[in-house]
Amino acid sequence: MNTDVLAYPIADACKVIGCGRTTLYGYISAGKIEARSLGARTIIPAESLRRFVASLPPAPIRVRSASSAEV
């Protein structure tokens, strides 16, 4: 995520966090991500995306043994 960006349009916010528009609007409706109006456009503050991603639980990562990694 570019730290110089103050806010993202919806399409770019989706790319940044890796979700679709419907999912992003769901997070906005649930109060998990903030949205702002800029004229007719909806923008997402970059800090709101950072807080949202930081609030997500850790992903369960399974480490494969060396013998099972060989195919």
PDB file of N, CA and C in Angstrom:
ATOM      1  N   MET A   1       0.849  -1.168   0.000  1.00  0.00           N
ATOM      2  CA  MET A   1       0.000   0.000   0.000  1.00  0.00           C
ATOM      3  C   MET A   1       0.895   1.232   0.000  1.00  0.00           C
ATOM      4  N   ASN A   2       0.674   2.130  -0.919  1.00  0.00           N
ATOM      5  CA  ASN A   2       1.449   3.351  -1.025  1.00  0.00           C
ATOM      6  C   ASN A   2       1.137   4.258   0.152  1.00  0.00           C
ATOM      7  N   THR A   3       2.152   4.656   0.906  1.00  0.00           N
ATOM      8  CA  THR A   3       1.920   5.483   2.093  1.00  0.00           C
ATOM      9  C   THR A   3       1.686   6.946   1.755  1.00  0.00           C
ATOM     10  N   ASP A   4       1.901   7.355   0.493  1.00  0.00           N
ATOM     11  CA  ASP A   4       1.660   8.738   0.087  1.00  0.00           C
ATOM     12  C   ASP A   4       0.198   8.992  -0.275  1.00  0.00           C
ATOM     13  N   VAL A   5      -0.578   7.948  -0.476  1.00  0.00           N
ATOM     14  CA  VAL A   5      -1.969   8.086  -0.886  1.00  0.00           C
ATOM     15  C   VAL A   5      -2.827   8.375   0.336  1.00  0.00           C
ATOM     16  N   LEU A   6      -3.661   9.417   0.255  1.00  0.00           N
ATOM     17  CA  LEU A   6      -4.570   9.749   1.356  1.00  0.00           C
ATOM     18  C   LEU A   6      -5.840   8.926   1.311  1.00  0.00           C
ATOM     19  N   ALA A   7      -6.357   8.697   0.096  1.00  0.00           N
ATOM     20  CA  ALA A   7      -7.612   7.967  -0.051  1.00  0.00           C
ATOM     21  C   ALA A   7      -7.647   7.295  -1.413  1.00  0.00           C
ATOM     22  N   TYR A   8      -8.438   6.225  -1.478  1.00  0.00           N
ATOM     23  CA  TYR A   8      -8.567   5.450  -2.705  1.00  0.00           C
ATOM     24  C   TYR A   8     -10.001   5.493  -3.213  1.00  0.00           C
ATOM     25  N   PRO A   9     -10.187   5.569  -4.537  1.00  0.00           N
ATOM     26  CA  PRO A   9     -11.532   5.339  -5.074  1.00  0.00           C
ATOM     27  C   PRO A   9     -11.898   3.866  -4.838  1.00  0.00           C
ATOM     28  N   ILE A  10     -13.164   3.556  -4.934  1.00  0.00           N
ATOM     29  CA  ILE A  10     -13.652   2.203  -4.636  1.00  0.00           C
ATOM     30  C   ILE A  10     -12.878   1.124  -5.393  1.00  0.00           C
ATOM     31  N   ALA A  11     -12.704   1.290  -6.692  1.00  0.00           N
ATOM     32  CA  ALA A  11     -12.021   0.257  -7.498  1.00  0.00           C
ATOM     33  C   ALA A  11     -10.599   0.016  -7.004  1.00  0.00           C
ATOM     34  N   ASP A  12      -9.888   1.076  -6.662  1.00  0.00           N
ATOM     35  CA  ASP A  12      -8.516   0.924  -6.183  1.00  0.00           C
ATOM     36  C   ASP A  12      -8.473   0.326  -4.783  1.00  0.00           C
ATOM     37  N   ALA A  13      -9.414   0.696  -3.933  1.00  0.00           N
ATOM     38  CA  ALA A  13      -9.476   0.116  -2.585  1.00  0.00           C
ATOM     39  C   ALA A  13      -9.695  -1.393  -2.681  1.00  0.00           C
ATOM     40  N   CYS A  14     -10.533  -1.819  -3.619  1.00  0.00           N
ATOM     41  CA  CYS A  14     -10.758  -3.252  -3.827  1.00  0.00           C
ATOM     42  C   CYS A  14      -9.462  -3.954  -4.207  1.00  0.00           C
ATOM     43  N   LYS A  15      -8.692  -3.346  -5.097  1.00  0.00           N
ATOM     44  CA  LYS A  15      -7.422  -3.943  -5.524  1.00  0.00           C
ATOM     45  C   LYS A  15      -6.437  -4.003  -4.366  1.00  0.00           C
ATOM     46  N   VAL A  16      -6.397  -2.949  -3.564  1.00  0.00           N
ATOM     47  CA  VAL A  16      -5.442  -2.873  -2.461  1.00  0.00           C
ATOM     48  C   VAL A  16      -5.669  -3.994  -1.449  1.00  0.00           C
ATOM     49  N   ILE A  17      -6.922  -4.254  -1.090  1.00  0.00           N
ATOM     50  CA  ILE A  17      -7.166  -5.293  -0.084  1.00  0.00           C
ATOM     51  C   ILE A  17      -7.578  -6.629  -0.697  1.00  0.00           C
ATOM     52  N   GLY A  18      -7.744  -6.664  -2.012  1.00  0.00           N
ATOM     53  CA  GLY A  18      -8.005  -7.937  -2.687  1.00  0.00           C
ATOM     54  C   GLY A  18      -9.419  -8.459  -2.515  1.00  0.00           C
ATOM     55  N   CYS A  19     -10.391  -7.590  -2.679  1.00  0.00           N
ATOM     56  CA  CYS A  19     -11.785  -8.033  -2.595  1.00  0.00           C
ATOM     57  C   CYS A  19     -12.592  -7.378  -3.710  1.00  0.00           C
ATOM     58  N   GLY A  20     -13.811  -7.807  -3.875  1.00  0.00           N
ATOM     59  CA  GLY A  20     -14.690  -7.232  -4.884  1.00  0.00           C
ATOM     60  C   GLY A  20     -15.482  -6.053  -4.331  1.00  0.00           C
ATOM     61  N   ARG A  21     -16.173  -5.365  -5.235  1.00  0.00           N
ATOM     62  CA  ARG A  21     -16.953  -4.179  -4.850  1.00  0.00           C
ATOM     63  C   ARG A  21     -18.052  -4.515  -3.845  1.00  0.00           C
ATOM     64  N   THR A  22     -18.766  -5.600  -4.076  1.00  0.00           N
ATOM     65  CA  THR A  22     -19.861  -5.972  -3.182  1.00  0.00           C
ATOM     66  C   THR A  22     -19.331  -6.246  -1.775  1.00  0.00           C
ATOM     67  N   THR A  23     -18.216  -6.950  -1.693  1.00  0.00           N
ATOM     68  CA  THR A  23     -17.613  -7.246  -0.395  1.00  0.00           C
ATOM     69  C   THR A  23     -17.166  -5.959   0.292  1.00  0.00           C
ATOM     70  N   LEU A  24     -16.534  -5.063  -0.460  1.00  0.00           N
ATOM     71  CA  LEU A  24     -16.075  -3.795   0.113  1.00  0.00           C
ATOM     72  C   LEU A  24     -17.257  -2.986   0.638  1.00  0.00           C
ATOM     73  N   TYR A  25     -18.328  -2.899  -0.147  1.00  0.00           N
ATOM     74  CA  TYR A  25     -19.503  -2.166   0.324  1.00  0.00           C
ATOM     75  C   TYR A  25     -20.120  -2.839   1.549  1.00  0.00           C
ATOM     76  N   GLY A  26     -20.005  -4.158   1.642  1.00  0.00           N
ATOM     77  CA  GLY A  26     -20.463  -4.868   2.834  1.00  0.00           C
ATOM     78  C   GLY A  26     -19.661  -4.466   4.064  1.00  0.00           C
ATOM     79  N   TYR A  27     -18.347  -4.361   3.912  1.00  0.00           N
ATOM     80  CA  TYR A  27     -17.499  -3.918   5.019  1.00  0.00           C
ATOM     81  C   TYR A  27     -17.835  -2.481   5.419  1.00  0.00           C
ATOM     82  N   ILE A  28     -18.131  -1.650   4.427  1.00  0.00           N
ATOM     83  CA  ILE A  28     -18.513  -0.262   4.718  1.00  0.00           C
ATOM     84  C   ILE A  28     -19.834  -0.242   5.486  1.00  0.00           C
ATOM     85  N   SER A  29     -20.810  -1.000   5.018  1.00  0.00           N
ATOM     86  CA  SER A  29     -22.127  -1.052   5.685  1.00  0.00           C
ATOM     87  C   SER A  29     -22.018  -1.577   7.107  1.00  0.00           C
ATOM     88  N   ALA A  30     -21.096  -2.509   7.328  1.00  0.00           N
ATOM     89  CA  ALA A  30     -20.901  -3.089   8.657  1.00  0.00           C
ATOM     90  C   ALA A  30     -20.073  -2.182   9.571  1.00  0.00           C
ATOM     91  N   GLY A  31     -19.576  -1.074   9.024  1.00  0.00           N
ATOM     92  CA  GLY A  31     -18.780  -0.146   9.828  1.00  0.00           C
ATOM     93  C   GLY A  31     -17.334  -0.571  10.001  1.00  0.00           C
ATOM     94  N   LYS A  32     -16.881  -1.541   9.215  1.00  0.00           N
ATOM     95  CA  LYS A  32     -15.505  -2.023   9.333  1.00  0.00           C
ATOM     96  C   LYS A  32     -14.517  -1.177   8.541  1.00  0.00           C
ATOM     97  N   ILE A  33     -15.013  -0.518   7.500  1.00  0.00           N
ATOM     98  CA  ILE A  33     -14.195   0.372   6.674  1.00  0.00           C
ATOM     99  C   ILE A  33     -14.958   1.687   6.535  1.00  0.00           C
ATOM    100  N   GLU A  34     -14.243   2.797   6.663  1.00  0.00           N
ATOM    101  CA  GLU A  34     -14.857   4.122   6.524  1.00  0.00           C
ATOM    102  C   GLU A  34     -14.905   4.524   5.050  1.00  0.00           C
ATOM    103  N   ALA A  35     -15.930   5.254   4.703  1.00  0.00           N
ATOM    104  CA  ALA A  35     -16.046   5.800   3.352  1.00  0.00           C
ATOM    105  C   ALA A  35     -16.365   7.285   3.473  1.00  0.00           C
ATOM    106  N   ARG A  36     -15.922   8.043   2.507  1.00  0.00           N
ATOM    107  CA  ARG A  36     -16.178   9.482   2.454  1.00  0.00           C
ATOM    108  C   ARG A  36     -16.729   9.826   1.081  1.00  0.00           C
ATOM    109  N   SER A  37     -17.507  10.893   1.042  1.00  0.00           N
ATOM    110  CA  SER A  37     -18.021  11.386  -0.238  1.00  0.00           C
ATOM    111  C   SER A  37     -17.159  12.536  -0.714  1.00  0.00           C
ATOM    112  N   LEU A  38     -16.811  12.498  -1.975  1.00  0.00           N
ATOM    113  CA  LEU A  38     -16.066  13.571  -2.618  1.00  0.00           C
ATOM    114  C   LEU A  38     -16.847  13.924  -3.872  1.00  0.00           C
ATOM    115  N   GLY A  39     -17.785  14.835  -3.717  1.00  0.00           N
ATOM    116  CA  GLY A  39     -18.712  15.127  -4.802  1.00  0.00           C
ATOM    117  C   GLY A  39     -19.580  13.901  -5.022  1.00  0.00           C
ATOM    118  N   ALA A  40     -19.579  13.388  -6.239  1.00  0.00           N
ATOM    119  CA  ALA A  40     -20.370  12.205  -6.564  1.00  0.00           C
ATOM    120  C   ALA A  40     -19.585  10.914  -6.340  1.00  0.00           C
ATOM    121  N   ARG A  41     -18.323  11.039  -5.958  1.00  0.00           N
ATOM    122  CA  ARG A  41     -17.471   9.859  -5.790  1.00  0.00           C
ATOM    123  C   ARG A  41     -17.405   9.421  -4.333  1.00  0.00           C
ATOM    124  N   THR A  42     -17.216   8.134  -4.145  1.00  0.00           N
ATOM    125  CA  THR A  42     -16.965   7.577  -2.814  1.00  0.00           C
ATOM    126  C   THR A  42     -15.492   7.227  -2.744  1.00  0.00           C
ATOM    127  N   ILE A  43     -14.839   7.690  -1.699  1.00  0.00           N
ATOM    128  CA  ILE A  43     -13.426   7.383  -1.507  1.00  0.00           C
ATOM    129  C   ILE A  43     -13.238   6.724  -0.148  1.00  0.00           C
ATOM    130  N   ILE A  44     -12.186   5.942  -0.045  1.00  0.00           N
ATOM    131  CA  ILE A  44     -11.862   5.216   1.171  1.00  0.00           C
ATOM    132  C   ILE A  44     -10.533   5.746   1.701  1.00  0.00           C
ATOM    133  N   PRO A  45     -10.508   6.308   2.910  1.00  0.00           N
ATOM    134  CA  PRO A  45      -9.233   6.764   3.476  1.00  0.00           C
ATOM    135  C   PRO A  45      -8.246   5.605   3.610  1.00  0.00           C
ATOM    136  N   ALA A  46      -7.017   5.840   3.207  1.00  0.00           N
ATOM    137  CA  ALA A  46      -5.992   4.796   3.266  1.00  0.00           C
ATOM    138  C   ALA A  46      -5.818   4.284   4.692  1.00  0.00           C
ATOM    139  N   GLU A  47      -5.907   5.160   5.672  1.00  0.00           N
ATOM    140  CA  GLU A  47      -5.744   4.750   7.068  1.00  0.00           C
ATOM    141  C   GLU A  47      -6.849   3.783   7.492  1.00  0.00           C
ATOM    142  N   SER A  48      -8.044   3.959   6.951  1.00  0.00           N
ATOM    143  CA  SER A  48      -9.140   3.045   7.256  1.00  0.00           C
ATOM    144  C   SER A  48      -8.830   1.645   6.731  1.00  0.00           C
ATOM    145  N   LEU A  49      -8.246   1.555   5.539  1.00  0.00           N
ATOM    146  CA  LEU A  49      -7.850   0.250   4.992  1.00  0.00           C
ATOM    147  C   LEU A  49      -6.757  -0.387   5.847  1.00  0.00           C
ATOM    148  N   ARG A  50      -5.803   0.434   6.302  1.00  0.00           N
ATOM    149  CA  ARG A  50      -4.730  -0.089   7.156  1.00  0.00           C
ATOM    150  C   ARG A  50      -5.291  -0.656   8.460  1.00  0.00           C
ATOM    151  N   ARG A  51      -6.205   0.092   9.088  1.00  0.00           N
ATOM    152  CA  ARG A  51      -6.805  -0.382  10.339  1.00  0.00           C
ATOM    153  C   ARG A  51      -7.599  -1.669  10.112  1.00  0.00           C
ATOM    154  N   PHE A  52      -8.338  -1.724   9.001  1.00  0.00           N
ATOM    155  CA  PHE A  52      -9.128  -2.912   8.698  1.00  0.00           C
ATOM    156  C   PHE A  52      -8.229  -4.134   8.536  1.00  0.00           C
ATOM    157  N   VAL A  53      -7.187  -4.004   7.746  1.00  0.00           N
ATOM    158  CA  VAL A  53      -6.281  -5.137   7.511  1.00  0.00           C
ATOM    159  C   VAL A  53      -5.602  -5.543   8.824  1.00  0.00           C
ATOM    160  N   ALA A  54      -5.201  -4.574   9.636  1.00  0.00           N
ATOM    161  CA  ALA A  54      -4.561  -4.888  10.918  1.00  0.00           C
ATOM    162  C   ALA A  54      -5.513  -5.602  11.871  1.00  0.00           C
ATOM    163  N   SER A  55      -6.823  -5.388  11.708  1.00  0.00           N
ATOM    164  CA  SER A  55      -7.801  -6.002  12.607  1.00  0.00           C
ATOM    165  C   SER A  55      -8.142  -7.445  12.218  1.00  0.00           C
ATOM    166  N   LEU A  56      -7.718  -7.876  11.049  1.00  0.00           N
ATOM    167  CA  LEU A  56      -8.027  -9.237  10.596  1.00  0.00           C
ATOM    168  C   LEU A  56      -7.228 -10.263  11.395  1.00  0.00           C
ATOM    169  N   PRO A  57      -7.795 -11.446  11.606  1.00  0.00           N
ATOM    170  CA  PRO A  57      -7.062 -12.481  12.350  1.00  0.00           C
ATOM    171  C   PRO A  57      -5.904 -13.019  11.511  1.00  0.00           C
ATOM    172  N   PRO A  58      -4.882 -13.553  12.174  1.00  0.00           N
ATOM    173  CA  PRO A  58      -3.772 -14.148  11.433  1.00  0.00           C
ATOM    174  C   PRO A  58      -4.254 -15.339  10.612  1.00  0.00           C
ATOM    175  N   ALA A  59      -3.665 -15.504   9.456  1.00  0.00           N
ATOM    176  CA  ALA A  59      -4.007 -16.641   8.602  1.00  0.00           C
ATOM    177  C   ALA A  59      -3.307 -17.889   9.125  1.00  0.00           C
ATOM    178  N   PRO A  60      -4.012 -19.017   9.167  1.00  0.00           N
ATOM    179  CA  PRO A  60      -3.353 -20.250   9.591  1.00  0.00           C
ATOM    180  C   PRO A  60      -2.419 -20.744   8.476  1.00  0.00           C
ATOM    181  N   ILE A  61      -1.161 -20.749   8.750  1.00  0.00           N
ATOM    182  CA  ILE A  61      -0.174 -21.175   7.755  1.00  0.00           C
ATOM    183  C   ILE A  61       0.379 -22.528   8.190  1.00  0.00           C
ATOM    184  N   ARG A  62       0.249 -23.494   7.298  1.00  0.00           N
ATOM    185  CA  ARG A  62       0.809 -24.820   7.575  1.00  0.00           C
ATOM    186  C   ARG A  62       2.105 -24.968   6.810  1.00  0.00           C
ATOM    187  N   VAL A  63       3.146 -25.359   7.528  1.00  0.00           N
ATOM    188  CA  VAL A  63       4.449 -25.573   6.910  1.00  0.00           C
ATOM    189  C   VAL A  63       4.541 -27.038   6.514  1.00  0.00           C
ATOM    190  N   ARG A  64       4.821 -27.251   5.246  1.00  0.00           N
ATOM    191  CA  ARG A  64       4.963 -28.633   4.769  1.00  0.00           C
ATOM    192  C   ARG A  64       6.361 -29.128   5.057  1.00  0.00           C
ATOM    193  N   SER A  65       6.454 -30.399   5.330  1.00  0.00           N
ATOM    194  CA  SER A  65       7.781 -30.982   5.533  1.00  0.00           C
ATOM    195  C   SER A  65       8.511 -31.040   4.199  1.00  0.00           C
ATOM    196  N   ALA A  66       9.811 -31.166   4.249  1.00  0.00           N
ATOM    197  CA  ALA A  66      10.622 -31.174   3.025  1.00  0.00           C
ATOM    198  C   ALA A  66      10.235 -32.323   2.105  1.00  0.00           C
ATOM    199  N   SER A  67       9.876 -33.472   2.666  1.00  0.00           N
ATOM    200  CA  SER A  67       9.546 -34.624   1.817  1.00  0.00           C
ATOM    201  C   SER A  67       8.215 -34.442   1.097  1.00  0.00           C
ATOM    202  N   SER A  68       7.252 -33.743   1.707  1.00  0.00           N
ATOM    203  CA  SER A  68       5.974 -33.543   1.042  1.00  0.00           C
ATOM    204  C   SER A  68       6.011 -32.362   0.065  1.00  0.00           C
ATOM    205  N   ALA A  69       7.035 -31.507   0.178  1.00  0.00           N
ATOM    206  CA  ALA A  69       7.162 -30.367  -0.734  1.00  0.00           C
ATOM    207  C   ALA A  69       7.697 -30.802  -2.085  1.00  0.00           C
ATOM    208  N   GLU A  70       8.371 -31.914  -2.127  1.00  0.00           N
ATOM    209  CA  GLU A  70       8.918 -32.414  -3.392  1.00  0.00           C
ATOM    210  C   GLU A  70       7.831 -33.121  -4.183  1.00  0.00           C
ATOM    211  N   VAL A  71       7.678 -32.724  -5.417  1.00  0.00           N
ATOM    212  CA  VAL A  71       6.654 -33.345  -6.256  1.00  0.00           C
ATOM    213  C   VAL A  71       7.281 -33.942  -7.477  1.00  0.00           C
TER     214      VAL A  71
END
